[in-house]
Protein backbone atom coordinates (compact mmCIF):
# COMPACT_ATOMS: atom_id res chain seq x y z
CA MET A 1 70.55 -50.44 -10.94
CA SER A 2 72.28 -52.63 -13.48
CA ALA A 3 71.38 -55.01 -16.24
CA ASN A 4 71.39 -58.71 -15.53
CA LYS A 5 74.89 -60.08 -15.25
CA PRO A 6 76.02 -61.77 -18.45
CA GLU A 7 76.69 -65.47 -18.50
CA GLU A 8 80.29 -66.55 -18.05
CA HIS A 9 80.34 -67.71 -21.64
CA PRO A 10 77.47 -65.78 -23.24
CA SER A 11 75.83 -67.13 -26.37
CA GLY A 12 76.31 -65.56 -29.79
CA ARG A 13 72.84 -64.02 -29.58
CA ARG A 14 73.51 -62.49 -26.15
CA ARG A 15 76.86 -61.03 -27.26
CA PHE A 16 75.15 -59.62 -30.33
CA LEU A 17 72.40 -57.97 -28.29
CA GLN A 18 74.80 -56.56 -25.70
CA LYS A 19 76.82 -54.90 -28.44
CA SER A 20 73.76 -53.71 -30.39
CA LEU A 21 71.57 -52.02 -27.77
CA SER A 22 72.97 -48.63 -28.71
CA LEU A 23 71.79 -49.14 -32.30
CA ILE A 24 68.07 -48.74 -31.58
CA PRO A 25 67.91 -45.28 -33.23
CA LEU A 26 67.83 -45.43 -37.03
CA ALA A 27 71.34 -45.06 -38.44
CA ALA A 28 73.34 -45.62 -41.60
CA ALA A 29 73.98 -49.31 -42.25
CA ALA A 30 77.12 -50.92 -40.86
CA SER A 31 77.70 -54.68 -41.16
CA THR A 32 78.67 -56.78 -38.16
CA GLY A 33 78.08 -60.21 -39.64
CA VAL A 34 75.42 -62.86 -39.41
CA VAL A 35 74.32 -63.34 -35.82
CA SER A 36 73.78 -67.07 -35.85
CA LEU A 37 73.64 -69.46 -38.74
CA THR A 38 73.51 -72.74 -36.88
CA SER A 39 70.07 -72.62 -35.27
CA PRO A 40 67.14 -75.00 -35.93
CA ALA A 41 64.92 -74.38 -38.94
CA ALA A 42 62.69 -71.33 -38.79
CA GLU A 43 59.35 -71.61 -37.07
CA LYS A 44 56.20 -70.44 -38.79
CA PRO A 45 55.55 -66.69 -38.47
CA GLN A 46 53.49 -65.95 -35.38
CA GLY A 47 51.32 -63.25 -33.91
CA VAL A 48 51.66 -59.84 -35.46
CA VAL A 49 53.57 -61.10 -38.51
CA GLN A 50 51.07 -63.81 -39.35
CA ASP A 51 48.17 -61.36 -39.45
CA TYR A 52 50.03 -58.40 -40.95
CA VAL A 53 49.48 -57.14 -44.50
CA PRO A 54 52.64 -55.36 -45.78
CA ALA A 55 52.23 -51.76 -46.87
CA TYR A 56 55.38 -51.61 -49.00
CA PHE A 57 56.74 -55.07 -49.79
CA ASN A 58 55.00 -57.22 -52.37
CA ASP A 59 54.30 -60.90 -51.73
CA LYS A 60 57.57 -62.19 -53.15
CA GLU A 61 59.63 -59.58 -51.31
CA TRP A 62 57.79 -60.33 -48.06
CA LYS A 63 58.61 -64.02 -48.34
CA PHE A 64 62.27 -63.11 -48.82
CA LEU A 65 62.20 -60.84 -45.79
CA LEU A 66 60.67 -63.50 -43.54
CA ALA A 67 63.21 -66.11 -44.62
CA ALA A 68 66.24 -63.83 -44.38
CA LEU A 69 65.35 -62.42 -40.98
CA GLU A 70 64.82 -65.87 -39.51
CA ARG A 71 68.34 -66.74 -40.57
CA LEU A 72 69.86 -63.51 -39.19
CA ILE A 73 68.14 -63.66 -35.78
CA PRO A 74 66.73 -67.17 -35.49
CA SER A 75 64.41 -68.63 -32.89
CA ASP A 76 66.53 -70.84 -30.63
CA ALA A 77 67.07 -71.84 -27.01
CA ASN A 78 67.66 -68.19 -26.08
CA GLY A 79 64.18 -67.13 -27.14
CA PRO A 80 62.06 -66.08 -30.13
CA GLY A 81 63.72 -64.75 -33.26
CA ALA A 82 63.19 -61.78 -35.51
CA VAL A 83 60.13 -63.13 -37.31
CA SER A 84 58.30 -64.22 -34.17
CA GLU A 85 59.02 -60.83 -32.60
CA GLY A 86 57.60 -58.85 -35.55
CA VAL A 87 60.81 -57.43 -37.03
CA PRO A 88 59.46 -57.76 -40.63
CA VAL A 89 56.56 -55.53 -39.56
CA TYR A 90 59.01 -52.99 -38.16
CA ILE A 91 60.96 -52.88 -41.42
CA ASP A 92 57.83 -52.60 -43.59
CA LYS A 93 56.57 -49.69 -41.48
CA GLN A 94 59.94 -47.94 -41.75
CA MET A 95 59.68 -48.03 -45.53
CA GLU A 96 56.60 -45.80 -45.36
CA LEU A 97 58.22 -43.27 -43.02
CA PRO A 98 60.70 -40.48 -43.92
CA TYR A 99 63.52 -42.93 -43.20
CA GLY A 100 62.39 -45.25 -45.98
CA TYR A 101 62.33 -42.38 -48.45
CA GLY A 102 65.80 -41.20 -47.44
CA ARG A 103 64.53 -37.90 -46.06
CA LEU A 104 66.63 -38.06 -42.90
CA TRP A 105 69.93 -37.29 -44.58
CA TYR A 106 71.44 -35.50 -47.57
CA MET A 107 70.63 -37.39 -50.78
CA GLN A 108 72.14 -35.22 -53.51
CA ALA A 109 75.04 -36.13 -55.84
CA PRO A 110 77.92 -36.75 -55.99
CA PHE A 111 77.87 -40.24 -54.48
CA ALA A 112 81.26 -41.72 -53.70
CA GLU A 113 82.90 -44.57 -51.81
CA ALA A 114 83.73 -43.35 -48.31
CA ALA A 115 84.39 -44.50 -44.76
CA PRO A 116 81.26 -45.16 -42.66
CA GLU A 117 81.90 -42.11 -40.49
CA MET A 118 81.38 -39.94 -43.56
CA GLY A 119 77.69 -40.85 -43.58
CA TYR A 120 75.35 -42.53 -46.03
CA GLN A 121 76.81 -42.48 -49.56
CA SER A 122 74.51 -44.60 -51.73
CA HIS A 123 72.17 -43.02 -54.27
CA LEU A 124 69.55 -45.60 -53.25
CA VAL A 125 67.14 -44.77 -50.43
CA PRO A 126 66.25 -47.68 -48.11
CA ARG A 127 63.04 -48.49 -50.03
CA ASP A 128 65.03 -48.87 -53.23
CA THR A 129 67.85 -50.74 -51.52
CA TYR A 130 65.40 -53.42 -50.43
CA ARG A 131 63.56 -53.66 -53.74
CA VAL A 132 66.71 -53.79 -55.85
CA GLY A 133 68.60 -55.92 -53.33
CA ILE A 134 65.90 -58.56 -53.05
CA LYS A 135 65.68 -58.82 -56.82
CA LEU A 136 69.47 -59.15 -57.03
CA THR A 137 69.41 -61.97 -54.48
CA ASP A 138 66.49 -63.85 -56.00
CA ASP A 139 67.98 -63.57 -59.49
CA TYR A 140 71.21 -65.05 -58.14
CA CYS A 141 69.32 -67.86 -56.42
CA GLN A 142 67.39 -68.64 -59.59
CA GLN A 143 70.63 -68.86 -61.57
CA LYS A 144 72.36 -71.07 -59.01
CA PHE A 145 69.51 -73.13 -57.53
CA GLN A 146 66.54 -72.50 -59.87
CA LYS A 147 64.62 -71.30 -56.82
CA ASP A 148 63.93 -68.03 -55.04
CA PHE A 149 65.72 -67.34 -51.76
CA TYR A 150 62.76 -68.22 -49.56
CA GLN A 151 62.48 -71.64 -51.24
CA LEU A 152 66.05 -72.66 -50.35
CA ASP A 153 66.92 -74.79 -47.35
CA ALA A 154 68.56 -73.19 -44.33
CA SER A 155 72.17 -74.03 -45.28
CA GLN A 156 71.71 -72.62 -48.79
CA GLN A 157 70.15 -69.43 -47.42
CA GLU A 158 73.06 -69.01 -45.02
CA ALA A 159 75.55 -69.42 -47.85
CA VAL A 160 73.75 -66.78 -49.93
CA LEU A 161 73.69 -64.33 -47.03
CA ARG A 162 77.41 -64.81 -46.51
CA ASP A 163 78.00 -64.18 -50.20
CA LEU A 164 75.98 -60.98 -49.97
CA GLU A 165 77.97 -59.82 -46.95
CA ALA A 166 81.25 -60.57 -48.72
CA ASP A 167 80.01 -58.61 -51.78
CA HIS A 168 80.29 -61.68 -54.01
CA ILE A 169 76.79 -60.99 -55.32
CA ARG A 170 76.43 -57.65 -57.08
CA ASN A 171 75.44 -55.93 -60.30
CA GLU A 172 75.46 -52.43 -61.76
CA ALA A 173 72.42 -51.44 -59.73
CA ILE A 174 73.58 -52.47 -56.26
CA HIS A 175 76.35 -54.16 -54.31
CA GLY A 176 75.30 -57.16 -52.26
CA LYS A 177 77.26 -55.86 -49.27
CA LEU A 178 75.22 -52.64 -49.19
CA PHE A 179 71.98 -54.61 -49.23
CA PHE A 180 73.17 -57.01 -46.53
CA GLU A 181 74.23 -54.12 -44.30
CA GLN A 182 70.84 -52.45 -44.72
CA LEU A 183 69.00 -55.67 -43.88
CA LEU A 184 71.14 -56.53 -40.85
CA GLU A 185 71.03 -53.02 -39.42
CA ASN A 186 67.26 -52.84 -39.66
CA ALA A 187 66.98 -56.35 -38.19
CA LYS A 188 68.94 -55.25 -35.12
CA GLU A 189 66.93 -52.04 -34.78
CA GLY A 190 63.60 -53.83 -35.02
CA TYR A 191 64.61 -56.58 -32.61
CA LEU A 192 65.78 -54.11 -29.95
CA ALA A 193 63.33 -51.24 -30.42
CA ASP A 194 60.21 -50.56 -28.40
CA PRO A 195 57.24 -52.69 -29.53
CA ILE A 196 55.38 -49.54 -30.53
CA HIS A 197 57.48 -49.55 -33.71
CA GLY A 198 56.47 -53.07 -34.75
CA GLY A 199 59.21 -55.40 -33.53
CA ASN A 200 60.19 -56.84 -30.14
CA GLN A 201 56.53 -57.65 -29.54
CA THR A 202 57.04 -59.75 -26.42
CA LEU A 203 59.99 -57.68 -25.18
CA ALA A 204 62.10 -60.82 -25.57
CA SER A 205 65.31 -58.97 -26.45
CA TRP A 206 65.00 -56.59 -23.51
CA LYS A 207 64.33 -59.48 -21.15
CA LEU A 208 67.33 -61.36 -22.55
CA ILE A 209 69.77 -58.52 -21.88
CA GLY A 210 68.14 -57.27 -18.66
CA PHE A 211 67.01 -53.92 -20.07
CA PRO A 212 64.17 -52.46 -17.90
CA GLY A 213 62.62 -50.34 -20.64
CA ALA A 214 60.32 -47.43 -19.83
CA ARG A 215 59.77 -47.95 -16.12
CA ALA A 216 58.77 -44.77 -14.29
CA ASP A 217 61.37 -44.83 -11.54
CA PHE A 218 64.15 -46.88 -9.99
CA ILE A 219 64.15 -45.50 -6.45
CA ASP A 220 64.34 -48.97 -4.89
CA THR A 221 67.27 -50.09 -7.01
CA VAL A 222 69.29 -47.05 -8.00
CA GLN A 223 71.54 -47.36 -4.94
CA GLN A 224 72.24 -51.05 -5.54
CA PRO A 225 75.10 -51.12 -8.06
CA ASN A 226 76.18 -54.37 -9.67
CA LYS A 227 72.93 -56.13 -8.77
CA PRO A 228 70.60 -57.43 -11.47
CA TYR A 229 67.42 -55.40 -11.89
CA PRO A 230 64.70 -57.61 -10.36
CA LEU A 231 61.71 -56.58 -12.49
CA GLY A 232 60.92 -57.34 -16.13
CA PRO A 233 60.90 -54.72 -18.90
CA VAL A 234 58.02 -52.36 -19.67
CA SER A 235 57.37 -50.74 -23.05
CA ILE A 236 56.33 -47.17 -23.83
CA SER A 237 52.71 -48.32 -24.07
CA SER A 238 53.01 -50.19 -20.73
CA LYS A 239 53.32 -53.62 -22.35
CA ARG A 240 55.10 -56.07 -20.05
CA SER A 241 57.04 -59.24 -20.75
CA VAL A 242 55.60 -62.57 -19.74
C-alpha cells in the first residue's frame, strides 16, 4: 500500500500537507510559514463552523480566528480550506482540554529563550497565547488601518500575518512570532487530524494526500508497493469522504 503519487509539480498546499502529516499529535509550536497567500477571497464559513458556538473564544476573537485561518489554509482549486473543514472548532475545543491549559508539559519558571528541541519555553499557556496574541494583532490593525484584523481585505491580512511571523509585531506581553507559530501549528493539526476532534470534517486533507485513515485492513493492497491506494479515507467514527 502507498499514498497517492504526488503530482510532478505539486501545489503549495499539497507540499505543505505532505510535510505536515506527522504533526497531527499536539506539539510545541514551530513556524513553517504561511501556506498560501494568493488564493481567492475566503468563502463564508460552512457546516460545523457556521452552527458552532465557541466555548472559549469571544465573538471578536472568533472573527479573528475565522479570518486568519482562511488566509493560512484557504479554500482553492485543491479543495476546502481550514474554515470550511472546521479547524476553528478544533482549536476552540483544544482550549478547553488539558492542552489549552498547558497541563501537558512543565510550566514552572524560569522561562528562557531556547532552541525548539528544548521544549516549550513561554510562560503563556495556549489559551493565553491566543487571547493576548489576538489582542496584540487587533491593536496593531487599529493603529495602522483603524480596523480589526477580520475587517481588513485579504492582502492587508496577509501582510499582517507576515509581520507577525517575522516578529515585527510584539509588546511586553507577547512576541508576534510566538503567536503566529501557535496559530499555524494548531491550524495544521486541525486540518490533518481525525474529524472526531473537530477539523477535517469532510476528510478533504486525507483525500488530498492519499491517506487511508482508520481502515480495518489492507490485505488486498499491502503487497502492491508503489501503487496508489484505491479507496478513500475513513475516520475513527467510520465517516467517509465523498
